[in-house]
Amino acid sequence: MSHSSPTGLPSTDVKPGRRTFLQRLMLWGTIAAGALATIALSIPLVGYLLGALFKREKDWVRLGPIDQFPPGETKLKTFTNPLSQPWDGMVAHTGCFVRYLGKDEQQQPQFLVFAVNCAHLGCPVSWFPQSGLFMCPCHGGVYYENGDRASGPPPQGLFKCVWQVVNGQLEIQAPHLPTLQDTLTHPAWTPAQPRKERS
């Protein structure tokens, strides 16, 4: 039995069929999937933007008493980075090269502390005491014992870590993976405050 519209013509109203239902279901499913994807992609971005507002205090890594570093020798010290995340795995275990330079005029100990990362692409370098050189196995970067670039593709010398001596213990500011734009030289103190042993 057909219905008439107010104009006297047959009505075109029909109940939605199975095809219409499936089309609407696909439409809402697509919208929901897009919304979920947008939320998933925005979480890291929001975390990055808010991270600058909630910077954590500087973490320091204790490397040991200063008398375990003989003058003029370069030693590799390994440690678990306090800046690491649970998913970092083996990358959380890192290290640095420490070279004790002796004491300055004020009888304060002086050190050179280098990140293990090559300044080219971040591969860990090795120290060869026979030749007095740091060498990168990835692309042939070579550095002198003072960290300056000797040869190869690195654009600069090794990255230097910020250090301090506290109660006779050498500490470094916990390092992130250094890059040319984000080096390890942002100190936890101002340049007006010289490095000195704290009691």
C-alpha atoms as a PDB file:
ATOM      1  CA  MET A   1       0.000   0.000   0.000  1.00  0.00           C
ATOM      2  CA  SER A   2       1.538   3.278  -1.126  1.00  0.00           C
ATOM      3  CA  HIS A   3       1.326   6.540   0.781  1.00  0.00           C
ATOM      4  CA  SER A   4       0.631   9.890  -0.754  1.00  0.00           C
ATOM      5  CA  SER A   5       2.513  13.056  -0.043  1.00  0.00           C
ATOM      6  CA  PRO A   6       0.680  16.340   0.640  1.00  0.00           C
ATOM      7  CA  THR A   7       1.132  17.169  -3.045  1.00  0.00           C
ATOM      8  CA  GLY A   8      -0.796  14.072  -4.079  1.00  0.00           C
ATOM      9  CA  LEU A   9       2.281  12.299  -5.502  1.00  0.00           C
ATOM     10  CA  PRO A  10       3.386   8.892  -4.241  1.00  0.00           C
ATOM     11  CA  SER A  11       5.770   9.146  -1.239  1.00  0.00           C
ATOM     12  CA  THR A  12       9.431   8.299  -1.806  1.00  0.00           C
ATOM     13  CA  ASP A  13      10.080   7.506   1.887  1.00  0.00           C
ATOM     14  CA  VAL A  14      11.495   4.033   2.265  1.00  0.00           C
ATOM     15  CA  LYS A  15      12.922   2.272   5.255  1.00  0.00           C
ATOM     16  CA  PRO A  16      16.726   2.165   5.267  1.00  0.00           C
ATOM     17  CA  GLY A  17      17.906  -1.098   3.856  1.00  0.00           C
ATOM     18  CA  ARG A  18      20.914  -3.262   4.620  1.00  0.00           C
ATOM     19  CA  ARG A  19      23.118  -1.365   2.143  1.00  0.00           C
ATOM     20  CA  THR A  20      22.359   1.979   3.793  1.00  0.00           C
ATOM     21  CA  PHE A  21      23.119   0.527   7.223  1.00  0.00           C
ATOM     22  CA  LEU A  22      26.471  -0.828   6.050  1.00  0.00           C
ATOM     23  CA  GLN A  23      27.378   2.489   4.428  1.00  0.00           C
ATOM     24  CA  ARG A  24      26.652   4.354   7.649  1.00  0.00           C
ATOM     25  CA  LEU A  25      28.574   1.755   9.657  1.00  0.00           C
ATOM     26  CA  MET A  26      31.609   2.154   7.356  1.00  0.00           C
ATOM     27  CA  LEU A  27      31.382   5.940   7.588  1.00  0.00           C
ATOM     28  CA  TRP A  28      31.332   5.963  11.398  1.00  0.00           C
ATOM     29  CA  GLY A  29      34.053   3.306  11.518  1.00  0.00           C
ATOM     30  CA  THR A  30      36.272   5.457   9.300  1.00  0.00           C
ATOM     31  CA  ILE A  31      35.629   8.523  11.467  1.00  0.00           C
ATOM     32  CA  ALA A  32      36.400   6.578  14.646  1.00  0.00           C
ATOM     33  CA  ALA A  33      39.614   5.121  13.163  1.00  0.00           C
ATOM     34  CA  GLY A  34      40.741   8.577  12.043  1.00  0.00           C
ATOM     35  CA  ALA A  35      40.044  10.018  15.491  1.00  0.00           C
ATOM     36  CA  LEU A  36      42.017   7.227  17.183  1.00  0.00           C
ATOM     37  CA  ALA A  37      44.932   7.701  14.776  1.00  0.00           C
ATOM     38  CA  THR A  38      44.920  11.452  15.420  1.00  0.00           C
ATOM     39  CA  ILE A  39      44.977  10.915  19.182  1.00  0.00           C
ATOM     40  CA  ALA A  40      47.764   8.320  18.926  1.00  0.00           C
ATOM     41  CA  LEU A  41      49.913  10.618  16.782  1.00  0.00           C
ATOM     42  CA  SER A  42      49.286  13.686  18.919  1.00  0.00           C
ATOM     43  CA  ILE A  43      50.341  12.125  22.250  1.00  0.00           C
ATOM     44  CA  PRO A  44      54.114  12.242  21.500  1.00  0.00           C
ATOM     45  CA  LEU A  45      53.790  15.764  20.101  1.00  0.00           C
ATOM     46  CA  VAL A  46      51.942  17.009  23.178  1.00  0.00           C
ATOM     47  CA  GLY A  47      54.469  15.252  25.418  1.00  0.00           C
ATOM     48  CA  TYR A  48      57.327  16.926  23.549  1.00  0.00           C
ATOM     49  CA  LEU A  49      55.738  20.373  23.830  1.00  0.00           C
ATOM     50  CA  LEU A  50      54.882  19.969  27.512  1.00  0.00           C
ATOM     51  CA  GLY A  51      58.284  18.433  28.307  1.00  0.00           C
ATOM     52  CA  ALA A  52      59.921  21.846  28.136  1.00  0.00           C
ATOM     53  CA  LEU A  53      57.566  23.061  30.878  1.00  0.00           C
ATOM     54  CA  PHE A  54      58.408  20.195  33.224  1.00  0.00           C
ATOM     55  CA  LYS A  55      62.163  19.781  32.876  1.00  0.00           C
ATOM     56  CA  ARG A  56      63.616  17.403  35.394  1.00  0.00           C
ATOM     57  CA  GLU A  57      66.557  18.397  37.534  1.00  0.00           C
ATOM     58  CA  LYS A  58      70.006  17.592  36.282  1.00  0.00           C
ATOM     59  CA  ASP A  59      70.980  14.007  37.031  1.00  0.00           C
ATOM     60  CA  TRP A  60      74.585  13.317  37.935  1.00  0.00           C
ATOM     61  CA  VAL A  61      76.385  10.027  37.455  1.00  0.00           C
ATOM     62  CA  ARG A  62      79.140   9.139  39.930  1.00  0.00           C
ATOM     63  CA  LEU A  63      82.176   7.681  38.162  1.00  0.00           C
ATOM     64  CA  GLY A  64      84.304   7.016  41.249  1.00  0.00           C
ATOM     65  CA  PRO A  65      87.030   8.583  43.393  1.00  0.00           C
ATOM     66  CA  ILE A  66      89.434  10.830  41.543  1.00  0.00           C
ATOM     67  CA  ASP A  67      92.466   8.824  42.722  1.00  0.00           C
ATOM     68  CA  GLN A  68      91.411   5.914  40.509  1.00  0.00           C
ATOM     69  CA  PHE A  69      92.251   8.009  37.440  1.00  0.00           C
ATOM     70  CA  PRO A  70      96.048   8.070  36.915  1.00  0.00           C
ATOM     71  CA  PRO A  71      97.341  11.345  35.454  1.00  0.00           C
ATOM     72  CA  GLY A  72      97.671  11.301  31.672  1.00  0.00           C
ATOM     73  CA  GLU A  73      95.757   8.043  31.185  1.00  0.00           C
ATOM     74  CA  THR A  74      92.425   7.688  29.398  1.00  0.00           C
ATOM     75  CA  LYS A  75      89.944   5.267  30.967  1.00  0.00           C
ATOM     76  CA  LEU A  76      86.546   4.069  29.791  1.00  0.00           C
ATOM     77  CA  LYS A  77      83.908   4.249  32.531  1.00  0.00           C
ATOM     78  CA  THR A  78      80.590   2.485  31.881  1.00  0.00           C
ATOM     79  CA  PHE A  79      77.310   3.132  33.692  1.00  0.00           C
ATOM     80  CA  THR A  80      73.540   2.903  33.349  1.00  0.00           C
ATOM     81  CA  ASN A  81      72.202   6.255  32.227  1.00  0.00           C
ATOM     82  CA  PRO A  82      69.585   7.671  34.657  1.00  0.00           C
ATOM     83  CA  LEU A  83      67.936   9.434  31.693  1.00  0.00           C
ATOM     84  CA  SER A  84      67.096   6.073  30.090  1.00  0.00           C
ATOM     85  CA  GLN A  85      63.594   4.715  29.630  1.00  0.00           C
ATOM     86  CA  PRO A  86      62.455   1.112  30.291  1.00  0.00           C
ATOM     87  CA  TRP A  87      62.311   0.394  26.545  1.00  0.00           C
ATOM     88  CA  ASP A  88      65.886   1.560  25.884  1.00  0.00           C
ATOM     89  CA  GLY A  89      67.319  -1.910  26.553  1.00  0.00           C
ATOM     90  CA  MET A  90      71.080  -2.175  26.039  1.00  0.00           C
ATOM     91  CA  VAL A  91      71.247   1.436  24.872  1.00  0.00           C
ATOM     92  CA  ALA A  92      70.726   2.474  28.517  1.00  0.00           C
ATOM     93  CA  HIS A  93      74.184   1.064  29.306  1.00  0.00           C
ATOM     94  CA  THR A  94      76.600   3.683  28.077  1.00  0.00           C
ATOM     95  CA  GLY A  95      79.922   5.147  29.054  1.00  0.00           C
ATOM     96  CA  CYS A  96      82.423   7.943  28.754  1.00  0.00           C
ATOM     97  CA  PHE A  97      86.169   8.363  28.416  1.00  0.00           C
ATOM     98  CA  VAL A  98      87.911  10.089  31.330  1.00  0.00           C
ATOM     99  CA  ARG A  99      91.366  11.655  31.171  1.00  0.00           C
ATOM    100  CA  TYR A 100      92.856  13.172  34.329  1.00  0.00           C
ATOM    101  CA  LEU A 101      94.936  16.245  33.522  1.00  0.00           C
ATOM    102  CA  GLY A 102      96.297  16.845  37.024  1.00  0.00           C
ATOM    103  CA  LYS A 103      95.684  19.887  39.223  1.00  0.00           C
ATOM    104  CA  ASP A 104      95.474  23.517  38.217  1.00  0.00           C
ATOM    105  CA  GLU A 105      97.061  26.543  39.964  1.00  0.00           C
ATOM    106  CA  GLN A 106      94.395  26.413  42.672  1.00  0.00           C
ATOM    107  CA  GLN A 107      95.148  22.715  43.244  1.00  0.00           C
ATOM    108  CA  GLN A 108      91.787  21.713  41.804  1.00  0.00           C
ATOM    109  CA  PRO A 109      91.656  18.473  39.771  1.00  0.00           C
ATOM    110  CA  GLN A 110      91.078  18.910  36.034  1.00  0.00           C
ATOM    111  CA  PHE A 111      89.543  16.323  33.709  1.00  0.00           C
ATOM    112  CA  LEU A 112      88.640  15.792  30.086  1.00  0.00           C
ATOM    113  CA  VAL A 113      85.469  13.694  29.856  1.00  0.00           C
ATOM    114  CA  PHE A 114      84.258  12.616  26.419  1.00  0.00           C
ATOM    115  CA  ALA A 115      81.036  10.917  25.355  1.00  0.00           C
ATOM    116  CA  VAL A 116      81.617   7.556  23.665  1.00  0.00           C
ATOM    117  CA  ASN A 117      79.627   8.735  20.645  1.00  0.00           C
ATOM    118  CA  CYS A 118      81.327   9.684  17.394  1.00  0.00           C
ATOM    119  CA  ALA A 119      80.446  13.227  16.303  1.00  0.00           C
ATOM    120  CA  HIS A 120      79.544  11.890  12.842  1.00  0.00           C
ATOM    121  CA  LEU A 121      76.591   9.540  13.371  1.00  0.00           C
ATOM    122  CA  GLY A 122      76.877   8.560  17.036  1.00  0.00           C
ATOM    123  CA  CYS A 123      78.659   5.197  16.795  1.00  0.00           C
ATOM    124  CA  PRO A 124      80.701   4.295  19.900  1.00  0.00           C
ATOM    125  CA  VAL A 125      84.388   5.041  19.451  1.00  0.00           C
ATOM    126  CA  SER A 126      87.295   3.020  20.879  1.00  0.00           C
ATOM    127  CA  TRP A 127      90.441   4.269  22.577  1.00  0.00           C
ATOM    128  CA  PHE A 128      93.799   2.956  21.342  1.00  0.00           C
ATOM    129  CA  PRO A 129      96.496   3.886  23.884  1.00  0.00           C
ATOM    130  CA  GLN A 130      99.290   2.563  21.620  1.00  0.00           C
ATOM    131  CA  SER A 131      98.581   5.260  19.039  1.00  0.00           C
ATOM    132  CA  GLY A 132      96.956   7.773  21.369  1.00  0.00           C
ATOM    133  CA  LEU A 133      93.862   7.954  19.166  1.00  0.00           C
ATOM    134  CA  PHE A 134      90.111   7.442  19.399  1.00  0.00           C
ATOM    135  CA  MET A 135      88.762   5.592  16.361  1.00  0.00           C
ATOM    136  CA  CYS A 136      85.234   5.017  15.114  1.00  0.00           C
ATOM    137  CA  PRO A 137      84.602   1.590  13.533  1.00  0.00           C
ATOM    138  CA  CYS A 138      81.603   2.751  11.494  1.00  0.00           C
ATOM    139  CA  HIS A 139      82.995   5.298   9.039  1.00  0.00           C
ATOM    140  CA  GLY A 140      86.644   5.759  10.008  1.00  0.00           C
ATOM    141  CA  GLY A 141      86.457   8.858  12.166  1.00  0.00           C
ATOM    142  CA  VAL A 142      89.678   9.483  14.104  1.00  0.00           C
ATOM    143  CA  TYR A 143      90.288  11.792  17.076  1.00  0.00           C
ATOM    144  CA  TYR A 144      93.398  12.842  18.991  1.00  0.00           C
ATOM    145  CA  GLU A 145      93.736  12.081  22.698  1.00  0.00           C
ATOM    146  CA  ASN A 146      92.484  15.577  23.555  1.00  0.00           C
ATOM    147  CA  GLY A 147      89.258  14.854  21.621  1.00  0.00           C
ATOM    148  CA  ASP A 148      90.039  17.025  18.591  1.00  0.00           C
ATOM    149  CA  ARG A 149      89.133  15.655  15.171  1.00  0.00           C
ATOM    150  CA  ALA A 150      92.095  14.045  13.395  1.00  0.00           C
ATOM    151  CA  SER A 151      90.532  12.706  10.181  1.00  0.00           C
ATOM    152  CA  GLY A 152      87.451  11.165   8.621  1.00  0.00           C
ATOM    153  CA  PRO A 153      83.872  12.380   8.218  1.00  0.00           C
ATOM    154  CA  PRO A 154      83.185  13.819  11.718  1.00  0.00           C
ATOM    155  CA  PRO A 155      82.564  17.584  11.468  1.00  0.00           C
ATOM    156  CA  GLN A 156      84.103  18.292  14.881  1.00  0.00           C
ATOM    157  CA  GLY A 157      85.877  16.722  17.858  1.00  0.00           C
ATOM    158  CA  LEU A 158      84.387  14.394  20.440  1.00  0.00           C
ATOM    159  CA  PHE A 159      81.543  15.727  22.570  1.00  0.00           C
ATOM    160  CA  LYS A 160      82.686  16.790  26.040  1.00  0.00           C
ATOM    161  CA  CYS A 161      80.610  15.965  29.117  1.00  0.00           C
ATOM    162  CA  VAL A 162      79.998  18.404  31.951  1.00  0.00           C
ATOM    163  CA  TRP A 163      81.758  17.175  35.113  1.00  0.00           C
ATOM    164  CA  GLN A 164      82.251  18.087  38.729  1.00  0.00           C
ATOM    165  CA  VAL A 165      84.102  16.754  41.772  1.00  0.00           C
ATOM    166  CA  VAL A 166      82.024  16.249  44.911  1.00  0.00           C
ATOM    167  CA  ASN A 167      83.641  14.917  48.101  1.00  0.00           C
ATOM    168  CA  GLY A 168      86.531  13.481  46.124  1.00  0.00           C
ATOM    169  CA  GLN A 169      84.203  11.713  43.656  1.00  0.00           C
ATOM    170  CA  LEU A 170      84.140  12.493  39.932  1.00  0.00           C
ATOM    171  CA  GLU A 171      80.623  13.002  38.599  1.00  0.00           C
ATOM    172  CA  ILE A 172      79.290  13.810  35.150  1.00  0.00           C
ATOM    173  CA  GLN A 173      76.005  15.304  34.117  1.00  0.00           C
ATOM    174  CA  ALA A 174      73.911  12.400  32.812  1.00  0.00           C
ATOM    175  CA  PRO A 175      74.414  12.413  29.037  1.00  0.00           C
ATOM    176  CA  HIS A 176      71.826  12.129  26.303  1.00  0.00           C
ATOM    177  CA  LEU A 177      72.813  11.083  22.793  1.00  0.00           C
ATOM    178  CA  PRO A 178      74.711  14.179  21.613  1.00  0.00           C
ATOM    179  CA  THR A 179      74.131  15.869  18.265  1.00  0.00           C
ATOM    180  CA  LEU A 180      75.559  18.984  16.641  1.00  0.00           C
ATOM    181  CA  GLN A 181      72.360  20.847  17.556  1.00  0.00           C
ATOM    182  CA  ASP A 182      72.068  19.404  21.082  1.00  0.00           C
ATOM    183  CA  THR A 183      75.530  18.912  22.522  1.00  0.00           C
ATOM    184  CA  LEU A 184      76.408  17.846  26.059  1.00  0.00           C
ATOM    185  CA  THR A 185      77.954  21.195  26.958  1.00  0.00           C
ATOM    186  CA  HIS A 186      74.862  22.798  28.511  1.00  0.00           C
ATOM    187  CA  PRO A 187      76.184  23.075  32.057  1.00  0.00           C
ATOM    188  CA  ALA A 188      74.175  22.644  35.233  1.00  0.00           C
ATOM    189  CA  TRP A 189      75.859  25.843  36.495  1.00  0.00           C
ATOM    190  CA  THR A 190      76.477  29.252  34.993  1.00  0.00           C
ATOM    191  CA  PRO A 191      79.860  30.176  33.482  1.00  0.00           C
ATOM    192  CA  ALA A 192      80.407  32.542  36.418  1.00  0.00           C
ATOM    193  CA  GLN A 193      80.571  29.517  38.724  1.00  0.00           C
ATOM    194  CA  PRO A 194      83.873  27.726  38.127  1.00  0.00           C
ATOM    195  CA  ARG A 195      84.148  23.971  38.522  1.00  0.00           C
ATOM    196  CA  LYS A 196      85.568  23.330  41.942  1.00  0.00           C
ATOM    197  CA  GLU A 197      85.453  20.648  44.544  1.00  0.00           C
ATOM    198  CA  ARG A 198      82.528  20.972  46.898  1.00  0.00           C
ATOM    199  CA  SER A 199      82.815  19.903  50.517  1.00  0.00           C
END
